[in-house]
Amino acid sequence: MKTKFTMILTLFMALIVQVTFAQQQTVSGTVSDENGLPLIGATVVISGTSSGTTTDFDGNYRINARQGE
């Protein structure tokens, strides 16, 4: 009986962890001007939050966001 309980509890905890991590995604892209040149140091902010990042030398950014942000 104790081993069944432990197995069920382990599966339940694994499910909780999966759901928690599945809600965040990494969003990436490139920021460029109207001539197609990359913008270095441009700020990318998730609307309605204080989470943000800046672009690198090639205009690329990567930020973690929750679904719907």
PDB file of N, CA and C in Angstrom:
ATOM      1  N   MET A   1       0.827  -1.194   0.000  1.00  0.00           N
ATOM      2  CA  MET A   1       0.000   0.000   0.000  1.00  0.00           C
ATOM      3  C   MET A   1       0.869   1.255   0.000  1.00  0.00           C
ATOM      4  N   LYS A   2       1.963   1.223   0.765  1.00  0.00           N
ATOM      5  CA  LYS A   2       2.831   2.380   0.845  1.00  0.00           C
ATOM      6  C   LYS A   2       3.508   2.653  -0.501  1.00  0.00           C
ATOM      7  N   THR A   3       3.872   1.619  -1.233  1.00  0.00           N
ATOM      8  CA  THR A   3       4.528   1.813  -2.530  1.00  0.00           C
ATOM      9  C   THR A   3       3.559   2.383  -3.559  1.00  0.00           C
ATOM     10  N   LYS A   4       2.293   1.982  -3.516  1.00  0.00           N
ATOM     11  CA  LYS A   4       1.292   2.551  -4.418  1.00  0.00           C
ATOM     12  C   LYS A   4       1.105   4.036  -4.143  1.00  0.00           C
ATOM     13  N   PHE A   5       1.012   4.379  -2.872  1.00  0.00           N
ATOM     14  CA  PHE A   5       0.858   5.778  -2.489  1.00  0.00           C
ATOM     15  C   PHE A   5       2.056   6.595  -2.946  1.00  0.00           C
ATOM     16  N   THR A   6       3.250   6.085  -2.763  1.00  0.00           N
ATOM     17  CA  THR A   6       4.470   6.786  -3.174  1.00  0.00           C
ATOM     18  C   THR A   6       4.505   6.968  -4.685  1.00  0.00           C
ATOM     19  N   MET A   7       4.119   5.943  -5.438  1.00  0.00           N
ATOM     20  CA  MET A   7       4.112   6.028  -6.890  1.00  0.00           C
ATOM     21  C   MET A   7       3.087   7.056  -7.366  1.00  0.00           C
ATOM     22  N   ILE A   8       1.901   7.046  -6.798  1.00  0.00           N
ATOM     23  CA  ILE A   8       0.856   7.996  -7.188  1.00  0.00           C
ATOM     24  C   ILE A   8       1.288   9.420  -6.847  1.00  0.00           C
ATOM     25  N   LEU A   9       1.874   9.596  -5.673  1.00  0.00           N
ATOM     26  CA  LEU A   9       2.348  10.913  -5.262  1.00  0.00           C
ATOM     27  C   LEU A   9       3.453  11.409  -6.195  1.00  0.00           C
ATOM     28  N   THR A  10       4.341  10.542  -6.596  1.00  0.00           N
ATOM     29  CA  THR A  10       5.416  10.910  -7.520  1.00  0.00           C
ATOM     30  C   THR A  10       4.859  11.327  -8.874  1.00  0.00           C
ATOM     31  N   LEU A  11       3.917  10.586  -9.398  1.00  0.00           N
ATOM     32  CA  LEU A  11       3.300  10.933 -10.676  1.00  0.00           C
ATOM     33  C   LEU A  11       2.554  12.264 -10.590  1.00  0.00           C
ATOM     34  N   PHE A  12       1.871  12.488  -9.489  1.00  0.00           N
ATOM     35  CA  PHE A  12       1.153  13.740  -9.286  1.00  0.00           C
ATOM     36  C   PHE A  12       2.116  14.920  -9.254  1.00  0.00           C
ATOM     37  N   MET A  13       3.229  14.777  -8.551  1.00  0.00           N
ATOM     38  CA  MET A  13       4.218  15.854  -8.466  1.00  0.00           C
ATOM     39  C   MET A  13       4.847  16.116  -9.838  1.00  0.00           C
ATOM     40  N   ALA A  14       5.099  15.071 -10.606  1.00  0.00           N
ATOM     41  CA  ALA A  14       5.661  15.232 -11.944  1.00  0.00           C
ATOM     42  C   ALA A  14       4.691  16.002 -12.847  1.00  0.00           C
ATOM     43  N   LEU A  15       3.404  15.724 -12.717  1.00  0.00           N
ATOM     44  CA  LEU A  15       2.388  16.426 -13.489  1.00  0.00           C
ATOM     45  C   LEU A  15       2.349  17.903 -13.118  1.00  0.00           C
ATOM     46  N   ILE A  16       2.424  18.204 -11.844  1.00  0.00           N
ATOM     47  CA  ILE A  16       2.421  19.602 -11.378  1.00  0.00           C
ATOM     48  C   ILE A  16       3.625  20.351 -11.957  1.00  0.00           C
ATOM     49  N   VAL A  17       4.786  19.729 -11.922  1.00  0.00           N
ATOM     50  CA  VAL A  17       5.995  20.372 -12.444  1.00  0.00           C
ATOM     51  C   VAL A  17       5.853  20.618 -13.945  1.00  0.00           C
ATOM     52  N   GLN A  18       5.328  19.664 -14.686  1.00  0.00           N
ATOM     53  CA  GLN A  18       5.137  19.817 -16.124  1.00  0.00           C
ATOM     54  C   GLN A  18       4.216  20.990 -16.438  1.00  0.00           C
ATOM     55  N   VAL A  19       3.110  21.090 -15.730  1.00  0.00           N
ATOM     56  CA  VAL A  19       2.150  22.160 -15.977  1.00  0.00           C
ATOM     57  C   VAL A  19       2.771  23.509 -15.647  1.00  0.00           C
ATOM     58  N   THR A  20       3.531  23.579 -14.586  1.00  0.00           N
ATOM     59  CA  THR A  20       4.161  24.832 -14.184  1.00  0.00           C
ATOM     60  C   THR A  20       5.156  25.308 -15.230  1.00  0.00           C
ATOM     61  N   PHE A  21       6.016  24.430 -15.714  1.00  0.00           N
ATOM     62  CA  PHE A  21       7.018  24.827 -16.690  1.00  0.00           C
ATOM     63  C   PHE A  21       6.436  25.028 -18.081  1.00  0.00           C
ATOM     64  N   ALA A  22       5.340  24.402 -18.388  1.00  0.00           N
ATOM     65  CA  ALA A  22       4.750  24.518 -19.718  1.00  0.00           C
ATOM     66  C   ALA A  22       4.136  25.887 -19.941  1.00  0.00           C
ATOM     67  N   GLN A  23       3.922  26.652 -18.898  1.00  0.00           N
ATOM     68  CA  GLN A  23       3.284  27.950 -19.041  1.00  0.00           C
ATOM     69  C   GLN A  23       4.259  29.040 -19.477  1.00  0.00           C
ATOM     70  N   GLN A  24       5.553  28.828 -19.336  1.00  0.00           N
ATOM     71  CA  GLN A  24       6.534  29.812 -19.780  1.00  0.00           C
ATOM     72  C   GLN A  24       7.155  29.377 -21.087  1.00  0.00           C
ATOM     73  N   GLN A  25       7.331  30.339 -21.973  1.00  0.00           N
ATOM     74  CA  GLN A  25       7.936  30.065 -23.262  1.00  0.00           C
ATOM     75  C   GLN A  25       9.028  31.088 -23.515  1.00  0.00           C
ATOM     76  N   THR A  26       9.993  30.730 -24.319  1.00  0.00           N
ATOM     77  CA  THR A  26      11.031  31.657 -24.724  1.00  0.00           C
ATOM     78  C   THR A  26      10.643  32.272 -26.052  1.00  0.00           C
ATOM     79  N   VAL A  27      10.604  33.595 -26.075  1.00  0.00           N
ATOM     80  CA  VAL A  27      10.282  34.335 -27.286  1.00  0.00           C
ATOM     81  C   VAL A  27      11.579  34.976 -27.771  1.00  0.00           C
ATOM     82  N   SER A  28      11.856  34.843 -29.048  1.00  0.00           N
ATOM     83  CA  SER A  28      13.079  35.430 -29.588  1.00  0.00           C
ATOM     84  C   SER A  28      12.784  36.064 -30.936  1.00  0.00           C
ATOM     85  N   GLY A  29      13.664  36.959 -31.335  1.00  0.00           N
ATOM     86  CA  GLY A  29      13.483  37.620 -32.615  1.00  0.00           C
ATOM     87  C   GLY A  29      14.611  38.586 -32.882  1.00  0.00           C
ATOM     88  N   THR A  30      14.442  39.383 -33.921  1.00  0.00           N
ATOM     89  CA  THR A  30      15.431  40.372 -34.317  1.00  0.00           C
ATOM     90  C   THR A  30      14.737  41.717 -34.485  1.00  0.00           C
ATOM     91  N   VAL A  31      15.348  42.756 -33.966  1.00  0.00           N
ATOM     92  CA  VAL A  31      14.837  44.112 -34.121  1.00  0.00           C
ATOM     93  C   VAL A  31      15.709  44.816 -35.156  1.00  0.00           C
ATOM     94  N   SER A  32      15.067  45.387 -36.175  1.00  0.00           N
ATOM     95  CA  SER A  32      15.819  46.087 -37.220  1.00  0.00           C
ATOM     96  C   SER A  32      15.107  47.389 -37.578  1.00  0.00           C
ATOM     97  N   ASP A  33      15.845  48.292 -38.215  1.00  0.00           N
ATOM     98  CA  ASP A  33      15.259  49.560 -38.626  1.00  0.00           C
ATOM     99  C   ASP A  33      14.588  49.408 -39.993  1.00  0.00           C
ATOM    100  N   GLU A  34      14.108  50.531 -40.556  1.00  0.00           N
ATOM    101  CA  GLU A  34      13.380  50.477 -41.822  1.00  0.00           C
ATOM    102  C   GLU A  34      14.265  50.064 -43.002  1.00  0.00           C
ATOM    103  N   ASN A  35      15.595  50.138 -42.830  1.00  0.00           N
ATOM    104  CA  ASN A  35      16.521  49.705 -43.880  1.00  0.00           C
ATOM    105  C   ASN A  35      16.962  48.259 -43.709  1.00  0.00           C
ATOM    106  N   GLY A  36      16.480  47.590 -42.674  1.00  0.00           N
ATOM    107  CA  GLY A  36      16.832  46.207 -42.432  1.00  0.00           C
ATOM    108  C   GLY A  36      18.103  46.020 -41.624  1.00  0.00           C
ATOM    109  N   LEU A  37      18.674  47.118 -41.118  1.00  0.00           N
ATOM    110  CA  LEU A  37      19.881  47.032 -40.301  1.00  0.00           C
ATOM    111  C   LEU A  37      19.501  46.707 -38.860  1.00  0.00           C
ATOM    112  N   PRO A  38      20.251  45.821 -38.203  1.00  0.00           N
ATOM    113  CA  PRO A  38      19.913  45.449 -36.815  1.00  0.00           C
ATOM    114  C   PRO A  38      20.103  46.617 -35.861  1.00  0.00           C
ATOM    115  N   LEU A  39      19.203  46.731 -34.885  1.00  0.00           N
ATOM    116  CA  LEU A  39      19.305  47.775 -33.861  1.00  0.00           C
ATOM    117  C   LEU A  39      19.996  47.196 -32.640  1.00  0.00           C
ATOM    118  N   ILE A  40      21.137  47.758 -32.304  1.00  0.00           N
ATOM    119  CA  ILE A  40      21.932  47.297 -31.169  1.00  0.00           C
ATOM    120  C   ILE A  40      21.437  48.004 -29.909  1.00  0.00           C
ATOM    121  N   GLY A  41      21.172  47.251 -28.848  1.00  0.00           N
ATOM    122  CA  GLY A  41      20.778  47.830 -27.567  1.00  0.00           C
ATOM    123  C   GLY A  41      19.338  48.293 -27.485  1.00  0.00           C
ATOM    124  N   ALA A  42      18.494  47.860 -28.416  1.00  0.00           N
ATOM    125  CA  ALA A  42      17.070  48.210 -28.352  1.00  0.00           C
ATOM    126  C   ALA A  42      16.432  47.454 -27.182  1.00  0.00           C
ATOM    127  N   THR A  43      15.484  48.091 -26.512  1.00  0.00           N
ATOM    128  CA  THR A  43      14.817  47.480 -25.368  1.00  0.00           C
ATOM    129  C   THR A  43      13.545  46.776 -25.823  1.00  0.00           C
ATOM    130  N   VAL A  44      13.389  45.526 -25.379  1.00  0.00           N
ATOM    131  CA  VAL A  44      12.188  44.735 -25.659  1.00  0.00           C
ATOM    132  C   VAL A  44      11.551  44.436 -24.308  1.00  0.00           C
ATOM    133  N   VAL A  45      10.289  44.894 -24.111  1.00  0.00           N
ATOM    134  CA  VAL A  45       9.592  44.736 -22.839  1.00  0.00           C
ATOM    135  C   VAL A  45       8.275  44.020 -23.077  1.00  0.00           C
ATOM    136  N   ILE A  46       7.914  43.105 -22.170  1.00  0.00           N
ATOM    137  CA  ILE A  46       6.612  42.439 -22.238  1.00  0.00           C
ATOM    138  C   ILE A  46       5.578  43.431 -21.744  1.00  0.00           C
ATOM    139  N   SER A  47       4.592  43.701 -22.561  1.00  0.00           N
ATOM    140  CA  SER A  47       3.565  44.689 -22.243  1.00  0.00           C
ATOM    141  C   SER A  47       2.858  44.358 -20.936  1.00  0.00           C
ATOM    142  N   GLY A  48       2.740  45.343 -20.068  1.00  0.00           N
ATOM    143  CA  GLY A  48       2.042  45.175 -18.796  1.00  0.00           C
ATOM    144  C   GLY A  48       2.892  44.566 -17.695  1.00  0.00           C
ATOM    145  N   THR A  49       4.185  44.337 -17.937  1.00  0.00           N
ATOM    146  CA  THR A  49       5.079  43.774 -16.930  1.00  0.00           C
ATOM    147  C   THR A  49       6.348  44.619 -16.852  1.00  0.00           C
ATOM    148  N   SER A  50       7.217  44.268 -15.914  1.00  0.00           N
ATOM    149  CA  SER A  50       8.513  44.927 -15.834  1.00  0.00           C
ATOM    150  C   SER A  50       9.612  44.037 -16.398  1.00  0.00           C
ATOM    151  N   SER A  51       9.244  42.945 -17.063  1.00  0.00           N
ATOM    152  CA  SER A  51      10.216  42.030 -17.665  1.00  0.00           C
ATOM    153  C   SER A  51      10.663  42.573 -19.012  1.00  0.00           C
ATOM    154  N   GLY A  52      11.970  42.628 -19.185  1.00  0.00           N
ATOM    155  CA  GLY A  52      12.494  43.134 -20.442  1.00  0.00           C
ATOM    156  C   GLY A  52      13.900  42.666 -20.690  1.00  0.00           C
ATOM    157  N   THR A  53      14.390  42.968 -21.873  1.00  0.00           N
ATOM    158  CA  THR A  53      15.751  42.627 -22.269  1.00  0.00           C
ATOM    159  C   THR A  53      16.196  43.620 -23.327  1.00  0.00           C
ATOM    160  N   THR A  54      17.472  43.571 -23.686  1.00  0.00           N
ATOM    161  CA  THR A  54      17.989  44.411 -24.754  1.00  0.00           C
ATOM    162  C   THR A  54      18.541  43.522 -25.865  1.00  0.00           C
ATOM    163  N   THR A  55      18.618  44.094 -27.055  1.00  0.00           N
ATOM    164  CA  THR A  55      19.128  43.336 -28.190  1.00  0.00           C
ATOM    165  C   THR A  55      20.652  43.299 -28.165  1.00  0.00           C
ATOM    166  N   ASP A  56      21.202  42.268 -28.767  1.00  0.00           N
ATOM    167  CA  ASP A  56      22.660  42.123 -28.835  1.00  0.00           C
ATOM    168  C   ASP A  56      23.202  42.856 -30.067  1.00  0.00           C
ATOM    169  N   PHE A  57      24.470  42.608 -30.403  1.00  0.00           N
ATOM    170  CA  PHE A  57      25.147  43.276 -31.505  1.00  0.00           C
ATOM    171  C   PHE A  57      24.468  43.039 -32.846  1.00  0.00           C
ATOM    172  N   ASP A  58      23.800  41.896 -32.997  1.00  0.00           N
ATOM    173  CA  ASP A  58      23.113  41.572 -34.254  1.00  0.00           C
ATOM    174  C   ASP A  58      21.624  41.903 -34.223  1.00  0.00           C
ATOM    175  N   GLY A  59      21.152  42.570 -33.160  1.00  0.00           N
ATOM    176  CA  GLY A  59      19.741  42.929 -33.050  1.00  0.00           C
ATOM    177  C   GLY A  59      18.858  41.814 -32.550  1.00  0.00           C
ATOM    178  N   ASN A  60      19.453  40.722 -32.087  1.00  0.00           N
ATOM    179  CA  ASN A  60      18.679  39.568 -31.606  1.00  0.00           C
ATOM    180  C   ASN A  60      18.338  39.731 -30.132  1.00  0.00           C
ATOM    181  N   TYR A  61      17.176  39.210 -29.739  1.00  0.00           N
ATOM    182  CA  TYR A  61      16.769  39.194 -28.336  1.00  0.00           C
ATOM    183  C   TYR A  61      16.142  37.856 -28.003  1.00  0.00           C
ATOM    184  N   ARG A  62      16.090  37.567 -26.719  1.00  0.00           N
ATOM    185  CA  ARG A  62      15.462  36.342 -26.203  1.00  0.00           C
ATOM    186  C   ARG A  62      14.911  36.688 -24.830  1.00  0.00           C
ATOM    187  N   ILE A  63      13.626  36.375 -24.611  1.00  0.00           N
ATOM    188  CA  ILE A  63      12.985  36.702 -23.335  1.00  0.00           C
ATOM    189  C   ILE A  63      11.989  35.605 -22.985  1.00  0.00           C
ATOM    190  N   ASN A  64      11.853  35.315 -21.708  1.00  0.00           N
ATOM    191  CA  ASN A  64      10.872  34.332 -21.238  1.00  0.00           C
ATOM    192  C   ASN A  64       9.557  35.027 -20.965  1.00  0.00           C
ATOM    193  N   ALA A  65       8.474  34.460 -21.482  1.00  0.00           N
ATOM    194  CA  ALA A  65       7.148  35.034 -21.304  1.00  0.00           C
ATOM    195  C   ALA A  65       6.148  33.931 -21.029  1.00  0.00           C
ATOM    196  N   ARG A  66       5.123  34.274 -20.299  1.00  0.00           N
ATOM    197  CA  ARG A  66       4.034  33.334 -20.070  1.00  0.00           C
ATOM    198  C   ARG A  66       3.039  33.430 -21.207  1.00  0.00           C
ATOM    199  N   GLN A  67       2.293  32.377 -21.390  1.00  0.00           N
ATOM    200  CA  GLN A  67       1.319  32.348 -22.472  1.00  0.00           C
ATOM    201  C   GLN A  67       0.294  33.467 -22.271  1.00  0.00           C
ATOM    202  N   GLY A  68       0.046  34.232 -23.314  1.00  0.00           N
ATOM    203  CA  GLY A  68      -0.921  35.322 -23.263  1.00  0.00           C
ATOM    204  C   GLY A  68      -0.298  36.678 -22.997  1.00  0.00           C
ATOM    205  N   GLU A  69       0.988  36.738 -22.644  1.00  0.00           N
ATOM    206  CA  GLU A  69       1.635  38.036 -22.404  1.00  0.00           C
ATOM    207  C   GLU A  69       2.129  38.619 -23.707  1.00  0.00           C
TER     208      GLU A  69
END
